[in-house]
Each structure stands twice: as structure tokens, then as C-alpha cells.
Amino acid sequence: MSTVHMTRPPQTLYVTIRRDELRQLKDERDQLQQEVMRLRSHLQAQLTQPSNGQAAIC
């Protein structure tokens, strides 16, 4: 026998955020995106360098 599961429609959650909070979150997002790009380029540079038998220290 199988169990019947009742499904509910998805609920929408509404939140209120102040403009200064939104600006701060956008700034943090931009900083994190820049950090990700920097780390990706650093990793790509390490991967394209010929290996000389030593581990890179970050």
C-alpha cells in the first residue's frame, strides 16, 4: 500500500527591507563577487603555471 501525501500550494513570504539595508546588501554582494573573481583568476594562474614540484602557499 502506498501513502497518500497531501500537498499544499507554495506560500509567498513578504519581507520589508529599508533602503540602507538593501544598499548594504548590494555592496556586500559586489565585494563578494569581486573576491570570487580574484580567487578564480588566482586559481587559474596556478593551474596554468608549469609545476615545479612545490606546492603553492597562499
Protein backbone atom coordinates (compact mmCIF):
# COMPACT_ATOMS: atom_id res chain seq x y z
CA MET A 1 0.00 0.00 0.00
CA SER A 2 1.20 3.49 -0.74
CA THR A 3 0.82 6.53 1.45
CA VAL A 4 -1.11 9.50 0.10
CA HIS A 5 0.59 12.82 0.79
CA MET A 6 -1.43 15.98 0.74
CA THR A 7 0.45 18.81 -0.89
CA ARG A 8 -0.11 22.44 -0.12
CA PRO A 9 0.39 25.25 -2.59
CA PRO A 10 3.64 27.18 -2.07
CA GLN A 11 3.39 30.12 0.27
CA THR A 12 4.75 33.56 -0.52
CA LEU A 13 6.78 35.29 2.14
CA TYR A 14 6.83 39.07 2.09
CA VAL A 15 9.56 40.97 3.88
CA THR A 16 10.25 44.63 4.35
CA ILE A 17 13.75 45.98 3.95
CA ARG A 18 14.98 49.52 4.36
CA ARG A 19 16.83 51.24 1.53
CA ASP A 20 20.01 51.49 3.57
CA GLU A 21 19.84 47.76 4.33
CA LEU A 22 19.34 46.98 0.66
CA ARG A 23 22.28 49.20 -0.30
CA GLN A 24 24.48 47.45 2.28
CA LEU A 25 23.47 44.01 0.99
CA LYS A 26 24.20 45.07 -2.59
CA ASP A 27 27.61 46.41 -1.55
CA GLU A 28 28.41 43.16 0.25
CA ARG A 29 27.29 41.16 -2.79
CA ASP A 30 29.53 43.26 -5.05
CA GLN A 31 32.50 42.76 -2.73
CA LEU A 32 31.92 39.00 -2.62
CA GLN A 33 31.62 38.82 -6.41
CA GLN A 34 34.92 40.69 -6.76
CA GLU A 35 36.55 38.31 -4.28
CA VAL A 36 35.25 35.31 -6.22
CA MET A 37 36.67 36.75 -9.46
CA ARG A 38 40.02 37.39 -7.76
CA LEU A 39 40.17 33.86 -6.37
CA ARG A 40 39.18 32.35 -9.71
CA SER A 41 41.91 34.24 -11.54
CA HIS A 42 44.42 33.25 -8.84
CA LEU A 43 43.40 29.61 -9.16
CA GLN A 44 43.51 29.77 -12.95
CA ALA A 45 47.00 31.28 -12.79
CA GLN A 46 48.13 28.42 -10.54
CA LEU A 47 46.62 25.83 -12.86
CA THR A 48 48.29 27.27 -15.96
CA GLN A 49 51.76 27.63 -14.39
CA PRO A 50 54.13 24.76 -15.05
CA SER A 51 54.53 22.64 -11.95
CA ASN A 52 57.98 22.67 -10.42
CA GLY A 53 57.22 20.08 -7.74
CA GLN A 54 56.42 22.58 -5.00
CA ALA A 55 53.01 23.32 -3.57
CA ALA A 56 51.90 26.92 -3.79
CA ILE A 57 51.31 28.69 -0.49
CA CYS A 58 48.52 31.23 -0.43
